[in-house]
């Protein structure tokens, strides 16, 4: 079982930037695409972005377009999500998940909820809070 750990998150002022990371301490991630999801209070979980296994291609859902940056460092087995120009609607728990494919199209389907993920292949989530 591949374990994902998500340090990062925290408190940020509106207009600021905040990063989340997703680390596989005991495994390599370079054969997997990675998806990011978020769950805002009282809302359903939604996909926001997907990055392919070598980081050459990223995709953002409508919920993630414009202000998110998705990147990865396979040498560090780490994937990063940065939220820029934080807005009041951004507070949420952000989760990373493995998409066991090198097919970016399948990753896109995954973040749109059209392909199921393995429940054991999720990070624990990191909370992003916007200060008032």
C-alpha atoms as a PDB file:
ATOM      1  CA  UNK A   1       0.000   0.000   0.000  1.00  0.00           C
ATOM      2  CA  UNK A   2       1.364   3.373  -0.989  1.00  0.00           C
ATOM      3  CA  UNK A   3       1.131   5.944   1.768  1.00  0.00           C
ATOM      4  CA  UNK A   4       0.629   9.629   1.043  1.00  0.00           C
ATOM      5  CA  UNK A   5       1.355  12.345   3.565  1.00  0.00           C
ATOM      6  CA  UNK A   6       0.199  15.918   3.179  1.00  0.00           C
ATOM      7  CA  UNK A   7       2.094  18.526   5.143  1.00  0.00           C
ATOM      8  CA  UNK A   8       1.371  22.140   4.383  1.00  0.00           C
ATOM      9  CA  UNK A   9      -1.869  24.060   4.310  1.00  0.00           C
ATOM     10  CA  UNK A  10      -2.602  26.638   6.973  1.00  0.00           C
ATOM     11  CA  UNK A  11      -3.933  30.163   7.312  1.00  0.00           C
ATOM     12  CA  UNK A  12      -3.642  32.706   4.531  1.00  0.00           C
ATOM     13  CA  UNK A  13      -4.942  36.209   3.949  1.00  0.00           C
ATOM     14  CA  UNK A  14      -7.204  36.981   0.996  1.00  0.00           C
ATOM     15  CA  UNK A  15      -5.062  37.709  -2.024  1.00  0.00           C
ATOM     16  CA  UNK A  16      -2.162  35.701  -0.685  1.00  0.00           C
ATOM     17  CA  UNK A  17      -0.766  32.350  -1.767  1.00  0.00           C
ATOM     18  CA  UNK A  18      -0.569  29.060   0.026  1.00  0.00           C
ATOM     19  CA  UNK A  19       0.932  25.751  -0.926  1.00  0.00           C
ATOM     20  CA  UNK A  20       0.033  22.169  -0.183  1.00  0.00           C
ATOM     21  CA  UNK A  21       2.281  19.212  -0.772  1.00  0.00           C
ATOM     22  CA  UNK A  22       1.768  15.493  -1.053  1.00  0.00           C
ATOM     23  CA  UNK A  23       4.630  13.141  -0.272  1.00  0.00           C
ATOM     24  CA  UNK A  24       5.065   9.409  -0.636  1.00  0.00           C
ATOM     25  CA  UNK A  25       7.690   8.711   2.055  1.00  0.00           C
ATOM     26  CA  UNK A  26       8.264   5.081   1.198  1.00  0.00           C
ATOM     27  CA  UNK A  27       7.445   4.838  -2.483  1.00  0.00           C
ATOM     28  CA  UNK A  28       8.079   6.392  -5.859  1.00  0.00           C
ATOM     29  CA  UNK A  29       5.415   8.377  -7.630  1.00  0.00           C
ATOM     30  CA  UNK A  30       6.935   8.742 -11.057  1.00  0.00           C
ATOM     31  CA  UNK A  31       4.744   6.067 -12.617  1.00  0.00           C
ATOM     32  CA  UNK A  32       1.526   7.667 -11.386  1.00  0.00           C
ATOM     33  CA  UNK A  33      -0.533  10.622 -12.376  1.00  0.00           C
ATOM     34  CA  UNK A  34      -1.749  12.549  -9.333  1.00  0.00           C
ATOM     35  CA  UNK A  35      -5.054  14.222  -8.720  1.00  0.00           C
ATOM     36  CA  UNK A  36      -6.036  16.972  -6.290  1.00  0.00           C
ATOM     37  CA  UNK A  37      -9.483  17.325  -4.801  1.00  0.00           C
ATOM     38  CA  UNK A  38     -11.003  19.609  -2.250  1.00  0.00           C
ATOM     39  CA  UNK A  39     -13.961  19.537   0.076  1.00  0.00           C
ATOM     40  CA  UNK A  40     -15.314  22.842   1.292  1.00  0.00           C
ATOM     41  CA  UNK A  41     -17.551  22.976   4.366  1.00  0.00           C
ATOM     42  CA  UNK A  42     -21.015  21.608   3.639  1.00  0.00           C
ATOM     43  CA  UNK A  43     -20.115  20.819   0.033  1.00  0.00           C
ATOM     44  CA  UNK A  44     -19.334  17.684  -1.921  1.00  0.00           C
ATOM     45  CA  UNK A  45     -15.776  16.747  -2.709  1.00  0.00           C
ATOM     46  CA  UNK A  46     -14.702  18.060  -6.088  1.00  0.00           C
ATOM     47  CA  UNK A  47     -11.684  17.541  -8.286  1.00  0.00           C
ATOM     48  CA  UNK A  48      -9.526  20.559  -9.018  1.00  0.00           C
ATOM     49  CA  UNK A  49      -6.447  19.400 -10.917  1.00  0.00           C
ATOM     50  CA  UNK A  50      -4.475  16.548 -12.352  1.00  0.00           C
ATOM     51  CA  UNK A  51      -0.817  16.229 -13.259  1.00  0.00           C
ATOM     52  CA  UNK A  52       0.633  13.460 -15.367  1.00  0.00           C
ATOM     53  CA  UNK A  53       3.398  11.185 -14.174  1.00  0.00           C
ATOM     54  CA  UNK A  54       6.349  13.225 -15.404  1.00  0.00           C
ATOM     55  CA  UNK A  55       4.855  16.643 -14.755  1.00  0.00           C
ATOM     56  CA  UNK A  56       4.768  17.662 -18.402  1.00  0.00           C
ATOM     57  CA  UNK A  57       0.998  18.089 -18.491  1.00  0.00           C
ATOM     58  CA  UNK A  58      -1.468  19.566 -16.039  1.00  0.00           C
ATOM     59  CA  UNK A  59      -5.214  19.900 -16.173  1.00  0.00           C
ATOM     60  CA  UNK A  60      -7.539  22.027 -14.105  1.00  0.00           C
ATOM     61  CA  UNK A  61     -11.255  21.650 -13.682  1.00  0.00           C
ATOM     62  CA  UNK A  62     -13.428  24.735 -13.740  1.00  0.00           C
ATOM     63  CA  UNK A  63     -13.119  24.779  -9.977  1.00  0.00           C
ATOM     64  CA  UNK A  64      -9.364  24.914 -10.230  1.00  0.00           C
ATOM     65  CA  UNK A  65      -8.712  27.063 -13.261  1.00  0.00           C
ATOM     66  CA  UNK A  66      -6.940  30.362 -13.070  1.00  0.00           C
ATOM     67  CA  UNK A  67      -5.460  30.386  -9.603  1.00  0.00           C
ATOM     68  CA  UNK A  68      -3.975  26.983  -9.015  1.00  0.00           C
ATOM     69  CA  UNK A  69      -0.530  25.697  -9.863  1.00  0.00           C
ATOM     70  CA  UNK A  70       0.071  21.967  -9.926  1.00  0.00           C
ATOM     71  CA  UNK A  71       3.633  20.658 -10.067  1.00  0.00           C
ATOM     72  CA  UNK A  72       5.738  17.735  -8.956  1.00  0.00           C
ATOM     73  CA  UNK A  73       9.275  16.741  -8.099  1.00  0.00           C
ATOM     74  CA  UNK A  74       9.624  13.038  -8.725  1.00  0.00           C
ATOM     75  CA  UNK A  75      13.126  12.988  -7.256  1.00  0.00           C
ATOM     76  CA  UNK A  76      11.472  13.947  -3.950  1.00  0.00           C
ATOM     77  CA  UNK A  77       8.336  11.812  -4.513  1.00  0.00           C
ATOM     78  CA  UNK A  78       6.341  14.974  -3.965  1.00  0.00           C
ATOM     79  CA  UNK A  79       3.474  16.720  -5.687  1.00  0.00           C
ATOM     80  CA  UNK A  80       2.604  20.346  -4.993  1.00  0.00           C
ATOM     81  CA  UNK A  81      -0.555  22.392  -5.261  1.00  0.00           C
ATOM     82  CA  UNK A  82      -0.361  26.148  -4.869  1.00  0.00           C
ATOM     83  CA  UNK A  83      -3.360  28.406  -4.515  1.00  0.00           C
ATOM     84  CA  UNK A  84      -2.713  31.951  -5.687  1.00  0.00           C
ATOM     85  CA  UNK A  85      -4.760  35.080  -5.068  1.00  0.00           C
ATOM     86  CA  UNK A  86      -6.692  33.282  -2.366  1.00  0.00           C
ATOM     87  CA  UNK A  87     -10.357  34.167  -2.208  1.00  0.00           C
ATOM     88  CA  UNK A  88     -12.930  33.779   0.562  1.00  0.00           C
ATOM     89  CA  UNK A  89     -14.434  30.753  -1.248  1.00  0.00           C
ATOM     90  CA  UNK A  90     -11.154  28.802  -1.152  1.00  0.00           C
ATOM     91  CA  UNK A  91     -11.233  27.437   2.430  1.00  0.00           C
ATOM     92  CA  UNK A  92     -11.401  23.679   2.173  1.00  0.00           C
ATOM     93  CA  UNK A  93      -9.607  20.480   2.945  1.00  0.00           C
ATOM     94  CA  UNK A  94      -7.367  19.609   0.013  1.00  0.00           C
ATOM     95  CA  UNK A  95      -6.575  15.996  -0.775  1.00  0.00           C
ATOM     96  CA  UNK A  96      -4.158  14.323  -3.137  1.00  0.00           C
ATOM     97  CA  UNK A  97      -4.733  10.940  -4.662  1.00  0.00           C
ATOM     98  CA  UNK A  98      -2.882   8.528  -6.871  1.00  0.00           C
ATOM     99  CA  UNK A  99      -4.252   7.919 -10.320  1.00  0.00           C
ATOM    100  CA  UNK A 100      -2.573   4.664 -11.336  1.00  0.00           C
ATOM    101  CA  UNK A 101      -2.018   5.538 -14.952  1.00  0.00           C
ATOM    102  CA  UNK A 102       0.316   7.338 -17.304  1.00  0.00           C
ATOM    103  CA  UNK A 103      -2.730   8.230 -19.396  1.00  0.00           C
ATOM    104  CA  UNK A 104      -3.520  11.875 -18.746  1.00  0.00           C
ATOM    105  CA  UNK A 105      -6.999  11.430 -20.190  1.00  0.00           C
ATOM    106  CA  UNK A 106      -7.796   8.884 -17.499  1.00  0.00           C
ATOM    107  CA  UNK A 107      -6.503  11.297 -14.894  1.00  0.00           C
ATOM    108  CA  UNK A 108      -8.847  13.976 -16.246  1.00  0.00           C
ATOM    109  CA  UNK A 109     -11.765  11.569 -16.016  1.00  0.00           C
ATOM    110  CA  UNK A 110     -10.769  10.814 -12.460  1.00  0.00           C
ATOM    111  CA  UNK A 111     -10.858  14.405 -11.264  1.00  0.00           C
ATOM    112  CA  UNK A 112     -14.252  14.762 -12.910  1.00  0.00           C
ATOM    113  CA  UNK A 113     -15.475  11.827 -10.857  1.00  0.00           C
ATOM    114  CA  UNK A 114     -15.963   9.537 -13.848  1.00  0.00           C
ATOM    115  CA  UNK A 115     -13.331   7.018 -12.742  1.00  0.00           C
ATOM    116  CA  UNK A 116     -13.246   5.648  -9.230  1.00  0.00           C
ATOM    117  CA  UNK A 117     -10.169   5.946  -7.093  1.00  0.00           C
ATOM    118  CA  UNK A 118      -8.715   3.519  -4.608  1.00  0.00           C
ATOM    119  CA  UNK A 119      -9.876   4.590  -1.128  1.00  0.00           C
ATOM    120  CA  UNK A 120      -6.476   3.573   0.240  1.00  0.00           C
ATOM    121  CA  UNK A 121      -4.597   5.843  -2.146  1.00  0.00           C
ATOM    122  CA  UNK A 122      -5.494   9.216  -0.668  1.00  0.00           C
ATOM    123  CA  UNK A 123      -3.557  11.608   1.495  1.00  0.00           C
ATOM    124  CA  UNK A 124      -5.029  12.571   4.836  1.00  0.00           C
ATOM    125  CA  UNK A 125      -5.920  16.034   3.615  1.00  0.00           C
ATOM    126  CA  UNK A 126      -4.630  19.447   4.514  1.00  0.00           C
ATOM    127  CA  UNK A 127      -6.777  22.343   5.649  1.00  0.00           C
ATOM    128  CA  UNK A 128      -6.602  25.735   3.999  1.00  0.00           C
ATOM    129  CA  UNK A 129      -8.178  28.576   5.959  1.00  0.00           C
ATOM    130  CA  UNK A 130      -8.619  32.156   4.801  1.00  0.00           C
ATOM    131  CA  UNK A 131      -8.295  34.856   7.417  1.00  0.00           C
ATOM    132  CA  UNK A 132     -10.876  37.577   7.521  1.00  0.00           C
END
